[in-house]
Amino acid sequence: MAKKQKKTRDSEPKVGRGKPPKHTQFRKGVSGNPEGRPKGSKNLSTLIMEAANAEVTATIDGKVRRISKLQATAMQLATKASVGDQPAINKFLDWIDEIETRAAAARPAQFPLEERDVEVLRAAYERMKQCDLDEVTE
């Protein structure tokens, strides 16, 4: 048999934690954010990368060239560091260290196999060499 639900005084369902009043709940089939994110809107990292890749005019070795703002900034930092500006030296070397660390992490290990795997491969190679030598002597 089905249990009968107890009715409250006004026969309204109980309201509390996890049970909001019916009139404040989202309606079925209706989004909680009907406007949503506008199409074509960009996040902060996209905006920063677009600004960094924008081109500027710079004079390099007496020639006017168009380079990205990111490239111009890196060149200015390197120039300041080469002149002896200590904060620029520290920042430049930190960036170089991070770039080299990332590059090293992206490179595969020289021998990704475990020692046992290498031993098995060497044994198989030796057996194959024996087969080749047997065929040559026949």
C-alpha atoms as a PDB file:
ATOM      1  CA  MET A   1       0.000   0.000   0.000  1.00  0.00           C
ATOM      2  CA  ALA A   2       1.104   3.539  -0.698  1.00  0.00           C
ATOM      3  CA  LYS A   3       1.898   5.708   2.276  1.00  0.00           C
ATOM      4  CA  LYS A   4      -0.240   8.738   2.758  1.00  0.00           C
ATOM      5  CA  GLN A   5       1.549  12.085   2.868  1.00  0.00           C
ATOM      6  CA  LYS A   6       0.935  14.225   5.860  1.00  0.00           C
ATOM      7  CA  LYS A   7      -0.583  17.546   4.937  1.00  0.00           C
ATOM      8  CA  THR A   8       0.561  20.760   6.570  1.00  0.00           C
ATOM      9  CA  ARG A   9      -1.799  23.440   7.711  1.00  0.00           C
ATOM     10  CA  ASP A  10      -2.099  25.220   4.377  1.00  0.00           C
ATOM     11  CA  SER A  11      -1.421  22.030   2.397  1.00  0.00           C
ATOM     12  CA  GLU A  12       1.761  23.623   0.941  1.00  0.00           C
ATOM     13  CA  PRO A  13       4.897  21.523   0.578  1.00  0.00           C
ATOM     14  CA  LYS A  14       7.630  21.966   3.153  1.00  0.00           C
ATOM     15  CA  VAL A  15      10.133  24.745   2.388  1.00  0.00           C
ATOM     16  CA  GLY A  16      13.718  24.584   3.606  1.00  0.00           C
ATOM     17  CA  ARG A  17      17.249  23.664   2.631  1.00  0.00           C
ATOM     18  CA  GLY A  18      17.167  22.153  -0.865  1.00  0.00           C
ATOM     19  CA  LYS A  19      13.416  22.765  -1.120  1.00  0.00           C
ATOM     20  CA  PRO A  20      12.811  26.321  -2.324  1.00  0.00           C
ATOM     21  CA  PRO A  21       9.301  27.702  -2.647  1.00  0.00           C
ATOM     22  CA  LYS A  22       7.575  26.620  -5.872  1.00  0.00           C
ATOM     23  CA  HIS A  23       7.124  30.163  -7.149  1.00  0.00           C
ATOM     24  CA  THR A  24      10.929  30.786  -7.106  1.00  0.00           C
ATOM     25  CA  GLN A  25      11.958  27.525  -8.809  1.00  0.00           C
ATOM     26  CA  PHE A  26      12.944  27.445 -12.484  1.00  0.00           C
ATOM     27  CA  ARG A  27      10.083  26.445 -14.741  1.00  0.00           C
ATOM     28  CA  LYS A  28      10.465  23.268 -16.766  1.00  0.00           C
ATOM     29  CA  GLY A  29      11.889  23.886 -20.224  1.00  0.00           C
ATOM     30  CA  VAL A  30      13.006  27.436 -19.413  1.00  0.00           C
ATOM     31  CA  SER A  31      16.697  28.282 -19.037  1.00  0.00           C
ATOM     32  CA  GLY A  32      17.961  29.969 -15.887  1.00  0.00           C
ATOM     33  CA  ASN A  33      20.003  32.313 -18.088  1.00  0.00           C
ATOM     34  CA  PRO A  34      17.875  32.985 -21.170  1.00  0.00           C
ATOM     35  CA  GLU A  35      20.158  35.693 -22.600  1.00  0.00           C
ATOM     36  CA  GLY A  36      23.251  33.503 -22.156  1.00  0.00           C
ATOM     37  CA  ARG A  37      26.762  34.419 -23.208  1.00  0.00           C
ATOM     38  CA  PRO A  38      26.706  36.602 -26.313  1.00  0.00           C
ATOM     39  CA  LYS A  39      28.049  34.952 -29.447  1.00  0.00           C
ATOM     40  CA  GLY A  40      31.528  36.090 -30.331  1.00  0.00           C
ATOM     41  CA  SER A  41      32.410  37.270 -26.831  1.00  0.00           C
ATOM     42  CA  LYS A  42      36.034  36.554 -25.894  1.00  0.00           C
ATOM     43  CA  ASN A  43      37.680  35.625 -22.630  1.00  0.00           C
ATOM     44  CA  LEU A  44      40.581  37.523 -21.061  1.00  0.00           C
ATOM     45  CA  SER A  45      43.350  35.255 -22.355  1.00  0.00           C
ATOM     46  CA  THR A  46      42.054  35.606 -25.930  1.00  0.00           C
ATOM     47  CA  LEU A  47      41.980  39.404 -25.614  1.00  0.00           C
ATOM     48  CA  ILE A  48      45.507  39.495 -24.186  1.00  0.00           C
ATOM     49  CA  MET A  49      46.867  37.243 -26.950  1.00  0.00           C
ATOM     50  CA  GLU A  50      45.195  39.396 -29.610  1.00  0.00           C
ATOM     51  CA  ALA A  51      46.780  42.511 -28.080  1.00  0.00           C
ATOM     52  CA  ALA A  52      50.193  40.787 -27.891  1.00  0.00           C
ATOM     53  CA  ASN A  53      50.006  39.679 -31.529  1.00  0.00           C
ATOM     54  CA  ALA A  54      48.991  43.120 -32.809  1.00  0.00           C
ATOM     55  CA  GLU A  55      51.687  44.666 -34.964  1.00  0.00           C
ATOM     56  CA  VAL A  56      53.678  47.838 -34.262  1.00  0.00           C
ATOM     57  CA  THR A  57      56.285  49.713 -36.273  1.00  0.00           C
ATOM     58  CA  ALA A  58      59.806  49.438 -34.878  1.00  0.00           C
ATOM     59  CA  THR A  59      63.218  50.571 -36.083  1.00  0.00           C
ATOM     60  CA  ILE A  60      65.661  47.669 -35.917  1.00  0.00           C
ATOM     61  CA  ASP A  61      69.248  48.166 -37.101  1.00  0.00           C
ATOM     62  CA  GLY A  62      68.175  51.356 -38.871  1.00  0.00           C
ATOM     63  CA  LYS A  63      65.354  49.655 -40.785  1.00  0.00           C
ATOM     64  CA  VAL A  64      61.664  50.211 -40.148  1.00  0.00           C
ATOM     65  CA  ARG A  65      59.911  46.886 -39.625  1.00  0.00           C
ATOM     66  CA  ARG A  66      56.471  45.682 -38.558  1.00  0.00           C
ATOM     67  CA  ILE A  67      56.705  43.286 -35.616  1.00  0.00           C
ATOM     68  CA  SER A  68      54.260  42.012 -32.996  1.00  0.00           C
ATOM     69  CA  LYS A  69      53.971  43.780 -29.656  1.00  0.00           C
ATOM     70  CA  LEU A  70      55.054  40.552 -27.985  1.00  0.00           C
ATOM     71  CA  GLN A  71      58.236  40.440 -30.061  1.00  0.00           C
ATOM     72  CA  ALA A  72      58.894  44.146 -29.390  1.00  0.00           C
ATOM     73  CA  THR A  73      58.417  43.624 -25.652  1.00  0.00           C
ATOM     74  CA  ALA A  74      60.793  40.648 -25.627  1.00  0.00           C
ATOM     75  CA  MET A  75      63.389  42.659 -27.545  1.00  0.00           C
ATOM     76  CA  GLN A  76      63.084  45.592 -25.136  1.00  0.00           C
ATOM     77  CA  LEU A  77      63.440  43.275 -22.137  1.00  0.00           C
ATOM     78  CA  ALA A  78      66.515  41.628 -23.671  1.00  0.00           C
ATOM     79  CA  THR A  79      68.025  45.037 -24.457  1.00  0.00           C
ATOM     80  CA  LYS A  80      67.448  46.298 -20.906  1.00  0.00           C
ATOM     81  CA  ALA A  81      68.930  43.097 -19.491  1.00  0.00           C
ATOM     82  CA  SER A  82      72.005  43.402 -21.720  1.00  0.00           C
ATOM     83  CA  VAL A  83      72.588  46.972 -20.503  1.00  0.00           C
ATOM     84  CA  GLY A  84      72.665  45.761 -16.897  1.00  0.00           C
ATOM     85  CA  ASP A  85      69.197  46.574 -15.526  1.00  0.00           C
ATOM     86  CA  GLN A  86      69.022  44.058 -12.646  1.00  0.00           C
ATOM     87  CA  PRO A  87      65.206  43.598 -12.519  1.00  0.00           C
ATOM     88  CA  ALA A  88      65.192  43.085 -16.308  1.00  0.00           C
ATOM     89  CA  ILE A  89      68.041  40.568 -16.029  1.00  0.00           C
ATOM     90  CA  ASN A  90      66.147  38.617 -13.353  1.00  0.00           C
ATOM     91  CA  LYS A  91      62.882  38.603 -15.326  1.00  0.00           C
ATOM     92  CA  PHE A  92      64.628  37.685 -18.589  1.00  0.00           C
ATOM     93  CA  LEU A  93      66.555  34.787 -17.026  1.00  0.00           C
ATOM     94  CA  ASP A  94      63.397  33.548 -15.252  1.00  0.00           C
ATOM     95  CA  TRP A  95      61.561  33.473 -18.589  1.00  0.00           C
ATOM     96  CA  ILE A  96      64.439  31.692 -20.331  1.00  0.00           C
ATOM     97  CA  ASP A  97      64.551  29.114 -17.523  1.00  0.00           C
ATOM     98  CA  GLU A  98      60.807  28.500 -17.743  1.00  0.00           C
ATOM     99  CA  ILE A  99      60.913  28.155 -21.538  1.00  0.00           C
ATOM    100  CA  GLU A 100      63.780  25.658 -21.327  1.00  0.00           C
ATOM    101  CA  THR A 101      62.011  23.708 -18.559  1.00  0.00           C
ATOM    102  CA  ARG A 102      58.835  23.448 -20.642  1.00  0.00           C
ATOM    103  CA  ALA A 103      60.812  22.381 -23.708  1.00  0.00           C
ATOM    104  CA  ALA A 104      62.621  19.686 -21.708  1.00  0.00           C
ATOM    105  CA  ALA A 105      59.338  18.399 -20.283  1.00  0.00           C
ATOM    106  CA  ALA A 106      57.798  18.225 -23.763  1.00  0.00           C
ATOM    107  CA  ARG A 107      60.701  16.175 -25.137  1.00  0.00           C
ATOM    108  CA  PRO A 108      60.302  12.424 -24.723  1.00  0.00           C
ATOM    109  CA  ALA A 109      62.803  10.630 -22.539  1.00  0.00           C
ATOM    110  CA  GLN A 110      65.762   9.190 -24.420  1.00  0.00           C
ATOM    111  CA  PHE A 111      64.941   5.661 -23.241  1.00  0.00           C
ATOM    112  CA  PRO A 112      61.342   5.552 -22.016  1.00  0.00           C
ATOM    113  CA  LEU A 113      61.610   1.784 -21.512  1.00  0.00           C
ATOM    114  CA  GLU A 114      62.440   0.219 -18.181  1.00  0.00           C
ATOM    115  CA  GLU A 115      65.678  -1.717 -17.761  1.00  0.00           C
ATOM    116  CA  ARG A 116      63.849  -5.071 -17.923  1.00  0.00           C
ATOM    117  CA  ASP A 117      62.291  -4.097 -21.260  1.00  0.00           C
ATOM    118  CA  VAL A 118      65.687  -3.151 -22.668  1.00  0.00           C
ATOM    119  CA  GLU A 119      67.116  -6.509 -21.555  1.00  0.00           C
ATOM    120  CA  VAL A 120      64.306  -8.390 -23.342  1.00  0.00           C
ATOM    121  CA  LEU A 121      64.861  -6.380 -26.531  1.00  0.00           C
ATOM    122  CA  ARG A 122      68.627  -6.996 -26.401  1.00  0.00           C
ATOM    123  CA  ALA A 123      68.081 -10.742 -25.934  1.00  0.00           C
ATOM    124  CA  ALA A 124      65.687 -10.827 -28.893  1.00  0.00           C
ATOM    125  CA  TYR A 125      68.189  -8.858 -30.987  1.00  0.00           C
ATOM    126  CA  GLU A 126      70.984 -11.305 -30.129  1.00  0.00           C
ATOM    127  CA  ARG A 127      68.760 -14.262 -31.140  1.00  0.00           C
ATOM    128  CA  MET A 128      67.938 -12.565 -34.439  1.00  0.00           C
ATOM    129  CA  LYS A 129      71.642 -12.000 -35.103  1.00  0.00           C
ATOM    130  CA  GLN A 130      72.268 -15.717 -34.479  1.00  0.00           C
ATOM    131  CA  CYS A 131      69.566 -16.598 -37.028  1.00  0.00           C
ATOM    132  CA  ASP A 132      71.187 -14.313 -39.591  1.00  0.00           C
ATOM    133  CA  LEU A 133      74.626 -15.860 -38.961  1.00  0.00           C
ATOM    134  CA  ASP A 134      73.207 -19.393 -39.314  1.00  0.00           C
ATOM    135  CA  GLU A 135      71.661 -18.520 -42.698  1.00  0.00           C
ATOM    136  CA  VAL A 136      74.938 -16.992 -43.973  1.00  0.00           C
ATOM    137  CA  THR A 137      77.038 -20.037 -43.002  1.00  0.00           C
ATOM    138  CA  GLU A 138      74.721 -22.516 -44.734  1.00  0.00           C
END
